[in-house]
PDB file of N, CA and C in Angstrom:
ATOM      1  N   UNK A   1      74.986 133.727 101.642  1.00  0.00           N
ATOM      2  CA  UNK A   1      73.909 133.330 102.528  1.00  0.00           C
ATOM      3  C   UNK A   1      72.808 134.393 102.577  1.00  0.00           C
ATOM      4  N   UNK A   2      73.224 135.639 102.476  1.00  0.00           N
ATOM      5  CA  UNK A   2      72.241 136.717 102.509  1.00  0.00           C
ATOM      6  C   UNK A   2      71.320 136.655 101.294  1.00  0.00           C
ATOM      7  N   UNK A   3      71.896 136.364 100.142  1.00  0.00           N
ATOM      8  CA  UNK A   3      71.074 136.271  98.931  1.00  0.00           C
ATOM      9  C   UNK A   3      70.110 135.093  99.006  1.00  0.00           C
ATOM     10  N   UNK A   4      70.542 134.016  99.628  1.00  0.00           N
ATOM     11  CA  UNK A   4      69.672 132.846  99.772  1.00  0.00           C
ATOM     12  C   UNK A   4      68.489 133.158 100.685  1.00  0.00           C
ATOM     13  N   UNK A   5      68.727 133.882 101.781  1.00  0.00           N
ATOM     14  CA  UNK A   5      67.645 134.255 102.693  1.00  0.00           C
ATOM     15  C   UNK A   5      66.688 135.226 102.009  1.00  0.00           C
ATOM     16  N   UNK A   6      67.219 136.160 101.235  1.00  0.00           N
ATOM     17  CA  UNK A   6      66.356 137.076 100.486  1.00  0.00           C
ATOM     18  C   UNK A   6      65.540 136.332  99.429  1.00  0.00           C
ATOM     19  N   UNK A   7      66.153 135.328  98.793  1.00  0.00           N
ATOM     20  CA  UNK A   7      65.438 134.507  97.813  1.00  0.00           C
ATOM     21  C   UNK A   7      64.303 133.735  98.489  1.00  0.00           C
ATOM     22  N   UNK A   8      64.552 133.178  99.683  1.00  0.00           N
ATOM     23  CA  UNK A   8      63.497 132.469 100.413  1.00  0.00           C
ATOM     24  C   UNK A   8      62.369 133.419 100.814  1.00  0.00           C
ATOM     25  N   UNK A   9      62.718 134.634 101.222  1.00  0.00           N
ATOM     26  CA  UNK A   9      61.697 135.616 101.552  1.00  0.00           C
ATOM     27  C   UNK A   9      60.849 135.989 100.349  1.00  0.00           C
ATOM     28  N   UNK A  10      61.492 136.127  99.199  1.00  0.00           N
ATOM     29  CA  UNK A  10      60.762 136.429  97.965  1.00  0.00           C
ATOM     30  C   UNK A  10      59.838 135.277  97.578  1.00  0.00           C
ATOM     31  N   UNK A  11      60.340 134.037  97.711  1.00  0.00           N
ATOM     32  CA  UNK A  11      59.499 132.873  97.415  1.00  0.00           C
ATOM     33  C   UNK A  11      58.313 132.782  98.363  1.00  0.00           C
ATOM     34  N   UNK A  12      58.532 133.131  99.617  1.00  0.00           N
ATOM     35  CA  UNK A  12      57.449 133.111 100.597  1.00  0.00           C
ATOM     36  C   UNK A  12      56.361 134.127 100.234  1.00  0.00           C
ATOM     37  N   UNK A  13      56.779 135.312  99.872  1.00  0.00           N
ATOM     38  CA  UNK A  13      55.813 136.353  99.501  1.00  0.00           C
ATOM     39  C   UNK A  13      55.093 135.989  98.208  1.00  0.00           C
ATOM     40  N   UNK A  14      55.806 135.484  97.218  1.00  0.00           N
ATOM     41  CA  UNK A  14      55.175 135.100  95.953  1.00  0.00           C
ATOM     42  C   UNK A  14      54.228 133.921  96.139  1.00  0.00           C
ATOM     43  N   UNK A  15      54.582 132.978  97.009  1.00  0.00           N
ATOM     44  CA  UNK A  15      53.684 131.869  97.304  1.00  0.00           C
ATOM     45  C   UNK A  15      52.411 132.339  97.989  1.00  0.00           C
ATOM     46  N   UNK A  16      52.556 133.270  98.918  1.00  0.00           N
ATOM     47  CA  UNK A  16      51.374 133.841  99.562  1.00  0.00           C
ATOM     48  C   UNK A  16      50.493 134.607  98.591  1.00  0.00           C
ATOM     49  N   UNK A  17      51.105 135.328  97.674  1.00  0.00           N
ATOM     50  CA  UNK A  17      50.329 136.037  96.648  1.00  0.00           C
ATOM     51  C   UNK A  17      49.628 135.069  95.702  1.00  0.00           C
ATOM     52  N   UNK A  18      50.271 133.945  95.407  1.00  0.00           N
ATOM     53  CA  UNK A  18      49.642 132.951  94.535  1.00  0.00           C
ATOM     54  C   UNK A  18      48.420 132.332  95.205  1.00  0.00           C
ATOM     55  N   UNK A  19      48.485 132.137  96.512  1.00  0.00           N
ATOM     56  CA  UNK A  19      47.321 131.605  97.229  1.00  0.00           C
ATOM     57  C   UNK A  19      46.224 132.650  97.305  1.00  0.00           C
ATOM     58  N   UNK A  20      46.595 133.900  97.570  1.00  0.00           N
ATOM     59  CA  UNK A  20      45.591 134.953  97.755  1.00  0.00           C
ATOM     60  C   UNK A  20      44.928 135.356  96.442  1.00  0.00           C
ATOM     61  N   UNK A  21      45.703 135.483  95.368  1.00  0.00           N
ATOM     62  CA  UNK A  21      45.120 135.953  94.115  1.00  0.00           C
ATOM     63  C   UNK A  21      44.432 134.835  93.357  1.00  0.00           C
ATOM     64  N   UNK A  22      44.947 133.612  93.453  1.00  0.00           N
ATOM     65  CA  UNK A  22      44.339 132.436  92.834  1.00  0.00           C
ATOM     66  C   UNK A  22      43.998 132.633  91.357  1.00  0.00           C
ATOM     67  N   UNK A  23      44.990 132.884  90.505  1.00  0.00           N
ATOM     68  CA  UNK A  23      44.675 132.990  89.078  1.00  0.00           C
ATOM     69  C   UNK A  23      44.136 131.675  88.514  1.00  0.00           C
ATOM     70  N   UNK A  24      44.530 130.570  89.079  1.00  0.00           N
ATOM     71  CA  UNK A  24      44.009 129.260  88.728  1.00  0.00           C
ATOM     72  C   UNK A  24      43.838 128.483  90.024  1.00  0.00           C
ATOM     73  N   UNK A  25      42.936 127.528  90.030  1.00  0.00           N
ATOM     74  CA  UNK A  25      42.713 126.771  91.258  1.00  0.00           C
ATOM     75  C   UNK A  25      43.945 125.985  91.671  1.00  0.00           C
ATOM     76  N   UNK A  26      44.641 125.433  90.708  1.00  0.00           N
ATOM     77  CA  UNK A  26      45.787 124.594  91.022  1.00  0.00           C
ATOM     78  C   UNK A  26      47.022 125.402  91.361  1.00  0.00           C
ATOM     79  N   UNK A  27      47.135 126.620  90.858  1.00  0.00           N
ATOM     80  CA  UNK A  27      48.293 127.439  91.209  1.00  0.00           C
ATOM     81  C   UNK A  27      48.220 127.877  92.668  1.00  0.00           C
ATOM     82  N   UNK A  28      47.033 127.941  93.228  1.00  0.00           N
ATOM     83  CA  UNK A  28      46.907 128.244  94.654  1.00  0.00           C
ATOM     84  C   UNK A  28      47.505 127.144  95.510  1.00  0.00           C
ATOM     85  N   UNK A  29      47.293 125.901  95.122  1.00  0.00           N
ATOM     86  CA  UNK A  29      47.891 124.780  95.849  1.00  0.00           C
ATOM     87  C   UNK A  29      49.396 124.761  95.726  1.00  0.00           C
ATOM     88  N   UNK A  30      49.897 125.057  94.534  1.00  0.00           N
ATOM     89  CA  UNK A  30      51.340 125.122  94.328  1.00  0.00           C
ATOM     90  C   UNK A  30      51.929 126.288  95.119  1.00  0.00           C
ATOM     91  N   UNK A  31      51.208 127.390  95.174  1.00  0.00           N
ATOM     92  CA  UNK A  31      51.665 128.541  95.961  1.00  0.00           C
ATOM     93  C   UNK A  31      51.706 128.238  97.445  1.00  0.00           C
ATOM     94  N   UNK A  32      50.748 127.460  97.924  1.00  0.00           N
ATOM     95  CA  UNK A  32      50.739 127.076  99.339  1.00  0.00           C
ATOM     96  C   UNK A  32      51.938 126.211  99.680  1.00  0.00           C
ATOM     97  N   UNK A  33      52.266 125.266  98.813  1.00  0.00           N
ATOM     98  CA  UNK A  33      53.441 124.417  99.038  1.00  0.00           C
ATOM     99  C   UNK A  33      54.719 125.241  98.941  1.00  0.00           C
ATOM    100  N   UNK A  34      54.791 126.138  97.965  1.00  0.00           N
ATOM    101  CA  UNK A  34      55.974 126.990  97.809  1.00  0.00           C
ATOM    102  C   UNK A  34      56.174 127.880  99.029  1.00  0.00           C
ATOM    103  N   UNK A  35      55.111 128.492  99.515  1.00  0.00           N
ATOM    104  CA  UNK A  35      55.226 129.353 100.690  1.00  0.00           C
ATOM    105  C   UNK A  35      55.614 128.556 101.925  1.00  0.00           C
ATOM    106  N   UNK A  36      55.119 127.346 102.046  1.00  0.00           N
ATOM    107  CA  UNK A  36      55.464 126.511 103.189  1.00  0.00           C
ATOM    108  C   UNK A  36      56.934 126.118 103.170  1.00  0.00           C
ATOM    109  N   UNK A  37      57.424 125.688 102.031  1.00  0.00           N
ATOM    110  CA  UNK A  37      58.826 125.280 101.935  1.00  0.00           C
ATOM    111  C   UNK A  37      59.752 126.481 102.133  1.00  0.00           C
ATOM    112  N   UNK A  38      59.384 127.627 101.566  1.00  0.00           N
ATOM    113  CA  UNK A  38      60.213 128.825 101.726  1.00  0.00           C
ATOM    114  C   UNK A  38      60.202 129.299 103.180  1.00  0.00           C
ATOM    115  N   UNK A  39      59.063 129.232 103.836  1.00  0.00           N
ATOM    116  CA  UNK A  39      59.004 129.615 105.252  1.00  0.00           C
ATOM    117  C   UNK A  39      59.817 128.694 106.129  1.00  0.00           C
ATOM    118  N   UNK A  40      59.781 127.406 105.828  1.00  0.00           N
ATOM    119  CA  UNK A  40      60.595 126.443 106.582  1.00  0.00           C
ATOM    120  C   UNK A  40      62.075 126.694 106.365  1.00  0.00           C
ATOM    121  N   UNK A  41      62.466 126.963 105.148  1.00  0.00           N
ATOM    122  CA  UNK A  41      63.869 127.281 104.870  1.00  0.00           C
ATOM    123  C   UNK A  41      64.308 128.567 105.540  1.00  0.00           C
ATOM    124  N   UNK A  42      63.416 129.517 105.607  1.00  0.00           N
ATOM    125  CA  UNK A  42      63.713 130.784 106.255  1.00  0.00           C
ATOM    126  C   UNK A  42      63.956 130.573 107.747  1.00  0.00           C
ATOM    127  N   UNK A  43      63.097 129.795 108.382  1.00  0.00           N
ATOM    128  CA  UNK A  43      63.285 129.500 109.803  1.00  0.00           C
ATOM    129  C   UNK A  43      64.548 128.672 110.037  1.00  0.00           C
ATOM    130  N   UNK A  44      64.855 127.759 109.128  1.00  0.00           N
ATOM    131  CA  UNK A  44      66.084 126.984 109.273  1.00  0.00           C
ATOM    132  C   UNK A  44      67.319 127.866 109.170  1.00  0.00           C
ATOM    133  N   UNK A  45      67.278 128.875 108.306  1.00  0.00           N
ATOM    134  CA  UNK A  45      68.424 129.768 108.194  1.00  0.00           C
ATOM    135  C   UNK A  45      68.604 130.617 109.446  1.00  0.00           C
ATOM    136  N   UNK A  46      67.527 130.834 110.192  1.00  0.00           N
ATOM    137  CA  UNK A  46      67.622 131.572 111.453  1.00  0.00           C
ATOM    138  C   UNK A  46      68.049 130.689 112.606  1.00  0.00           C
ATOM    139  N   UNK A  47      68.053 129.379 112.400  1.00  0.00           N
ATOM    140  CA  UNK A  47      68.469 128.455 113.449  1.00  0.00           C
ATOM    141  C   UNK A  47      67.342 127.953 114.326  1.00  0.00           C
ATOM    142  N   UNK A  48      66.106 128.130 113.891  1.00  0.00           N
ATOM    143  CA  UNK A  48      64.946 127.692 114.665  1.00  0.00           C
ATOM    144  C   UNK A  48      64.398 126.435 114.000  1.00  0.00           C
ATOM    145  N   UNK A  49      65.068 125.316 114.240  1.00  0.00           N
ATOM    146  CA  UNK A  49      64.714 124.093 113.524  1.00  0.00           C
ATOM    147  C   UNK A  49      63.392 123.502 114.001  1.00  0.00           C
ATOM    148  N   UNK A  50      63.072 123.611 115.301  1.00  0.00           N
ATOM    149  CA  UNK A  50      61.812 123.050 115.789  1.00  0.00           C
ATOM    150  C   UNK A  50      60.620 123.806 115.213  1.00  0.00           C
ATOM    151  N   UNK A  51      60.720 125.111 115.157  1.00  0.00           N
ATOM    152  CA  UNK A  51      59.627 125.909 114.593  1.00  0.00           C
ATOM    153  C   UNK A  51      59.460 125.614 113.102  1.00  0.00           C
ATOM    154  N   UNK A  52      60.565 125.367 112.430  1.00  0.00           N
ATOM    155  CA  UNK A  52      60.508 125.007 111.019  1.00  0.00           C
ATOM    156  C   UNK A  52      59.784 123.684 110.828  1.00  0.00           C
ATOM    157  N   UNK A  53      60.073 122.722 111.684  1.00  0.00           N
ATOM    158  CA  UNK A  53      59.415 121.422 111.602  1.00  0.00           C
ATOM    159  C   UNK A  53      57.920 121.539 111.893  1.00  0.00           C
ATOM    160  N   UNK A  54      57.552 122.351 112.877  1.00  0.00           N
ATOM    161  CA  UNK A  54      56.136 122.553 113.205  1.00  0.00           C
ATOM    162  C   UNK A  54      55.413 123.213 112.043  1.00  0.00           C
ATOM    163  N   UNK A  55      56.024 124.232 111.441  1.00  0.00           N
ATOM    164  CA  UNK A  55      55.420 124.903 110.294  1.00  0.00           C
ATOM    165  C   UNK A  55      55.236 123.942 109.130  1.00  0.00           C
ATOM    166  N   UNK A  56      56.245 123.118 108.885  1.00  0.00           N
ATOM    167  CA  UNK A  56      56.170 122.152 107.791  1.00  0.00           C
ATOM    168  C   UNK A  56      55.053 121.146 108.027  1.00  0.00           C
ATOM    169  N   UNK A  57      54.950 120.642 109.244  1.00  0.00           N
ATOM    170  CA  UNK A  57      53.923 119.633 109.537  1.00  0.00           C
ATOM    171  C   UNK A  57      52.521 120.230 109.516  1.00  0.00           C
ATOM    172  N   UNK A  58      52.357 121.444 110.009  1.00  0.00           N
ATOM    173  CA  UNK A  58      51.030 122.061 110.035  1.00  0.00           C
ATOM    174  C   UNK A  58      50.592 122.436 108.629  1.00  0.00           C
ATOM    175  N   UNK A  59      51.468 123.072 107.847  1.00  0.00           N
ATOM    176  CA  UNK A  59      51.075 123.498 106.505  1.00  0.00           C
ATOM    177  C   UNK A  59      50.862 122.322 105.572  1.00  0.00           C
ATOM    178  N   UNK A  60      51.870 121.489 105.441  1.00  0.00           N
ATOM    179  CA  UNK A  60      51.755 120.409 104.468  1.00  0.00           C
ATOM    180  C   UNK A  60      50.958 119.242 105.003  1.00  0.00           C
ATOM    181  N   UNK A  61      50.888 119.089 106.302  1.00  0.00           N
ATOM    182  CA  UNK A  61      50.135 117.982 106.872  1.00  0.00           C
ATOM    183  C   UNK A  61      48.664 118.279 107.035  1.00  0.00           C
ATOM    184  N   UNK A  62      48.321 119.506 107.314  1.00  0.00           N
ATOM    185  CA  UNK A  62      46.931 119.832 107.594  1.00  0.00           C
ATOM    186  C   UNK A  62      46.303 120.796 106.615  1.00  0.00           C
ATOM    187  N   UNK A  63      46.925 121.940 106.443  1.00  0.00           N
ATOM    188  CA  UNK A  63      46.286 122.989 105.657  1.00  0.00           C
ATOM    189  C   UNK A  63      46.215 122.644 104.185  1.00  0.00           C
ATOM    190  N   UNK A  64      47.263 122.038 103.636  1.00  0.00           N
ATOM    191  CA  UNK A  64      47.215 121.723 102.217  1.00  0.00           C
ATOM    192  C   UNK A  64      46.226 120.596 101.929  1.00  0.00           C
ATOM    193  N   UNK A  65      46.033 119.691 102.873  1.00  0.00           N
ATOM    194  CA  UNK A  65      45.024 118.643 102.686  1.00  0.00           C
ATOM    195  C   UNK A  65      43.638 119.270 102.637  1.00  0.00           C
ATOM    196  N   UNK A  66      43.378 120.221 103.533  1.00  0.00           N
ATOM    197  CA  UNK A  66      42.087 120.919 103.508  1.00  0.00           C
ATOM    198  C   UNK A  66      41.919 121.729 102.232  1.00  0.00           C
ATOM    199  N   UNK A  67      42.995 122.353 101.780  1.00  0.00           N
ATOM    200  CA  UNK A  67      42.920 123.148 100.556  1.00  0.00           C
ATOM    201  C   UNK A  67      42.634 122.263  99.349  1.00  0.00           C
ATOM    202  N   UNK A  68      43.305 121.127  99.264  1.00  0.00           N
ATOM    203  CA  UNK A  68      43.097 120.227  98.126  1.00  0.00           C
ATOM    204  C   UNK A  68      41.685 119.638  98.183  1.00  0.00           C
ATOM    205  N   UNK A  69      41.175 119.345  99.369  1.00  0.00           N
ATOM    206  CA  UNK A  69      39.799 118.845  99.493  1.00  0.00           C
ATOM    207  C   UNK A  69      38.795 119.902  99.034  1.00  0.00           C
ATOM    208  N   UNK A  70      38.992 121.145  99.458  1.00  0.00           N
ATOM    209  CA  UNK A  70      38.118 122.227  99.012  1.00  0.00           C
ATOM    210  C   UNK A  70      38.249 122.452  97.514  1.00  0.00           C
ATOM    211  N   UNK A  71      39.466 122.314  97.006  1.00  0.00           N
ATOM    212  CA  UNK A  71      39.707 122.464  95.575  1.00  0.00           C
ATOM    213  C   UNK A  71      38.961 121.408  94.777  1.00  0.00           C
ATOM    214  N   UNK A  72      38.947 120.193  95.279  1.00  0.00           N
ATOM    215  CA  UNK A  72      38.241 119.132  94.557  1.00  0.00           C
ATOM    216  C   UNK A  72      36.734 119.341  94.589  1.00  0.00           C
ATOM    217  N   UNK A  73      36.233 119.936  95.656  1.00  0.00           N
ATOM    218  CA  UNK A  73      34.795 120.228  95.707  1.00  0.00           C
ATOM    219  C   UNK A  73      34.410 121.350  94.749  1.00  0.00           C
ATOM    220  N   UNK A  74      35.276 122.334  94.624  1.00  0.00           N
ATOM    221  CA  UNK A  74      34.979 123.466  93.743  1.00  0.00           C
ATOM    222  C   UNK A  74      35.152 123.094  92.283  1.00  0.00           C
ATOM    223  N   UNK A  75      36.130 122.250  91.983  1.00  0.00           N
ATOM    224  CA  UNK A  75      36.450 121.932  90.591  1.00  0.00           C
ATOM    225  C   UNK A  75      35.356 121.116  89.915  1.00  0.00           C
ATOM    226  N   UNK A  76      34.609 120.336  90.667  1.00  0.00           N
ATOM    227  CA  UNK A  76      33.561 119.506  90.093  1.00  0.00           C
ATOM    228  C   UNK A  76      32.229 119.857  90.767  1.00  0.00           C
ATOM    229  N   UNK A  77      31.488 120.834  90.227  1.00  0.00           N
ATOM    230  CA  UNK A  77      30.276 121.291  90.919  1.00  0.00           C
ATOM    231  C   UNK A  77      29.144 120.262  90.926  1.00  0.00           C
ATOM    232  N   UNK A  78      29.070 119.392  89.945  1.00  0.00           N
ATOM    233  CA  UNK A  78      28.003 118.391  89.898  1.00  0.00           C
ATOM    234  C   UNK A  78      28.610 117.012  90.086  1.00  0.00           C
ATOM    235  N   UNK A  79      28.864 116.678  91.316  1.00  0.00           N
ATOM    236  CA  UNK A  79      29.501 115.402  91.599  1.00  0.00           C
ATOM    237  C   UNK A  79      28.477 114.290  91.513  1.00  0.00           C
ATOM    238  N   UNK A  80      28.953 113.114  91.144  1.00  0.00           N
ATOM    239  CA  UNK A  80      28.076 111.949  90.999  1.00  0.00           C
ATOM    240  C   UNK A  80      28.441 110.932  92.059  1.00  0.00           C
ATOM    241  N   UNK A  81      27.473 110.375  92.688  1.00  0.00           N
ATOM    242  CA  UNK A  81      27.670 109.307  93.654  1.00  0.00           C
ATOM    243  C   UNK A  81      27.073 108.041  93.060  1.00  0.00           C
ATOM    244  N   UNK A  82      27.890 107.290  92.378  1.00  0.00           N
ATOM    245  CA  UNK A  82      27.378 106.108  91.690  1.00  0.00           C
ATOM    246  C   UNK A  82      26.491 106.546  90.541  1.00  0.00           C
ATOM    247  N   UNK A  83      25.244 106.041  90.503  1.00  0.00           N
ATOM    248  CA  UNK A  83      24.306 106.462  89.460  1.00  0.00           C
ATOM    249  C   UNK A  83      23.327 107.527  89.961  1.00  0.00           C
ATOM    250  N   UNK A  84      23.431 107.863  91.231  1.00  0.00           N
ATOM    251  CA  UNK A  84      22.523 108.851  91.804  1.00  0.00           C
ATOM    252  C   UNK A  84      23.252 110.180  91.870  1.00  0.00           C
ATOM    253  N   UNK A  85      22.688 111.211  91.340  1.00  0.00           N
ATOM    254  CA  UNK A  85      23.289 112.529  91.389  1.00  0.00           C
ATOM    255  C   UNK A  85      23.142 113.149  92.770  1.00  0.00           C
ATOM    256  N   UNK A  86      23.733 114.310  92.945  1.00  0.00           N
ATOM    257  CA  UNK A  86      23.659 115.001  94.230  1.00  0.00           C
ATOM    258  C   UNK A  86      22.222 115.412  94.557  1.00  0.00           C
ATOM    259  N   UNK A  87      21.436 115.681  93.542  1.00  0.00           N
ATOM    260  CA  UNK A  87      20.050 116.081  93.787  1.00  0.00           C
ATOM    261  C   UNK A  87      19.252 114.910  94.348  1.00  0.00           C
ATOM    262  N   UNK A  88      19.511 113.711  93.852  1.00  0.00           N
ATOM    263  CA  UNK A  88      18.826 112.536  94.366  1.00  0.00           C
ATOM    264  C   UNK A  88      19.189 112.250  95.811  1.00  0.00           C
ATOM    265  N   UNK A  89      20.444 112.440  96.163  1.00  0.00           N
ATOM    266  CA  UNK A  89      20.871 112.239  97.548  1.00  0.00           C
ATOM    267  C   UNK A  89      20.254 113.310  98.433  1.00  0.00           C
ATOM    268  N   UNK A  90      20.158 114.530  97.909  1.00  0.00           N
ATOM    269  CA  UNK A  90      19.557 115.616  98.690  1.00  0.00           C
ATOM    270  C   UNK A  90      18.099 115.378  99.002  1.00  0.00           C
ATOM    271  N   UNK A  91      17.379 114.760  98.088  1.00  0.00           N
ATOM    272  CA  UNK A  91      15.959 114.470  98.329  1.00  0.00           C
ATOM    273  C   UNK A  91      15.757 113.397  99.382  1.00  0.00           C
ATOM    274  N   UNK A  92      16.693 112.470  99.479  1.00  0.00           N
ATOM    275  CA  UNK A  92      16.580 111.393 100.469  1.00  0.00           C
ATOM    276  C   UNK A  92      16.817 111.993 101.831  1.00  0.00           C
TER     277      UNK A  92
END
Protein backbone atom coordinates (compact mmCIF):
# COMPACT_ATOMS: atom_id res chain seq x y z
CA UNK A 1 0.00 0.00 0.00
CA UNK A 2 2.88 2.33 0.73
CA UNK A 3 4.31 1.86 -2.75
CA UNK A 4 0.92 2.56 -4.29
CA UNK A 5 0.58 5.85 -2.37
CA UNK A 6 4.11 6.85 -3.39
CA UNK A 7 3.26 5.97 -7.01
CA UNK A 8 0.14 8.18 -6.83
CA UNK A 9 2.21 11.02 -5.39
CA UNK A 10 4.73 10.66 -8.20
CA UNK A 11 1.94 10.66 -10.80
CA UNK A 12 0.47 13.78 -9.21
CA UNK A 13 3.78 15.62 -9.36
CA UNK A 14 4.51 14.49 -12.93
CA UNK A 15 1.02 15.51 -14.03
CA UNK A 16 1.50 18.94 -12.49
CA UNK A 17 4.86 19.29 -14.22
CA UNK A 18 3.29 18.29 -17.54
CA UNK A 19 0.70 21.05 -17.16
CA UNK A 20 3.27 23.64 -16.06
CA UNK A 21 5.99 22.90 -18.61
CA UNK A 22 3.61 22.20 -21.53
CA UNK A 23 6.02 20.58 -24.00
CA UNK A 24 2.99 20.09 -26.24
CA UNK A 25 -0.47 21.59 -26.02
CA UNK A 26 -2.15 18.22 -25.75
CA UNK A 27 0.24 16.79 -23.17
CA UNK A 28 -0.87 19.57 -20.82
CA UNK A 29 -4.43 18.28 -21.00
CA UNK A 30 -3.29 14.72 -20.41
CA UNK A 31 -1.19 15.93 -17.48
CA UNK A 32 -4.20 17.70 -15.98
CA UNK A 33 -6.27 14.51 -16.15
CA UNK A 34 -3.38 12.44 -14.76
CA UNK A 35 -2.85 14.82 -11.85
CA UNK A 36 -6.56 14.86 -11.10
CA UNK A 37 -6.91 11.08 -11.05
CA UNK A 38 -3.73 10.68 -8.98
CA UNK A 39 -4.89 13.32 -6.49
CA UNK A 40 -8.26 11.62 -6.16
CA UNK A 41 -6.60 8.27 -5.57
CA UNK A 42 -4.31 9.83 -3.02
CA UNK A 43 -7.24 11.26 -1.08
CA UNK A 44 -9.07 7.94 -1.31
CA UNK A 45 -6.08 6.16 0.19
CA UNK A 46 -6.22 8.59 3.12
CA UNK A 47 -9.90 7.82 3.65
CA UNK A 48 -11.26 11.22 2.60
CA UNK A 49 -13.76 10.07 0.01
CA UNK A 50 -15.88 13.26 -0.07
CA UNK A 51 -12.86 15.45 -0.72
CA UNK A 52 -11.77 13.05 -3.45
CA UNK A 53 -15.17 13.34 -5.11
CA UNK A 54 -15.09 17.15 -4.90
CA UNK A 55 -11.60 17.25 -6.41
CA UNK A 56 -12.65 14.92 -9.20
CA UNK A 57 -15.76 16.95 -10.04
CA UNK A 58 -13.99 20.32 -9.91
CA UNK A 59 -10.94 19.27 -11.95
CA UNK A 60 -12.53 17.09 -14.57
CA UNK A 61 -15.88 18.85 -14.57
CA UNK A 62 -14.73 22.44 -14.68
CA UNK A 63 -11.04 23.06 -15.04
CA UNK A 64 -10.34 20.58 -17.81
CA UNK A 65 -13.27 21.91 -19.84
CA UNK A 66 -11.80 25.41 -19.56
CA UNK A 67 -8.35 24.10 -20.44
CA UNK A 68 -9.60 22.25 -23.52
CA UNK A 69 -11.56 25.35 -24.62
CA UNK A 70 -8.45 27.52 -24.26
CA UNK A 71 -6.44 24.83 -26.04
CA UNK A 72 -8.81 24.89 -28.99
CA UNK A 73 -8.53 28.67 -29.22
CA UNK A 74 -4.74 28.56 -29.19
CA UNK A 75 -4.40 25.65 -31.60
CA UNK A 76 -6.29 27.39 -34.41
CA UNK A 77 -5.25 31.08 -34.50
CA UNK A 78 -7.26 31.96 -37.63
CA UNK A 79 -10.67 30.53 -36.97
CA UNK A 80 -13.35 30.69 -39.64
CA UNK A 81 -16.99 31.41 -38.98
CA UNK A 82 -18.73 30.09 -42.05
CA UNK A 83 -17.34 32.03 -45.02
CA UNK A 84 -16.53 35.13 -42.98
CA UNK A 85 -13.15 35.22 -41.30
CA UNK A 86 -12.48 36.63 -37.85
CA UNK A 87 -11.40 39.93 -39.38
CA UNK A 88 -14.76 40.34 -41.09
CA UNK A 89 -16.61 39.69 -37.84
CA UNK A 90 -14.33 42.15 -36.07
CA UNK A 91 -15.20 44.91 -38.52
CA UNK A 92 -18.93 44.41 -37.98
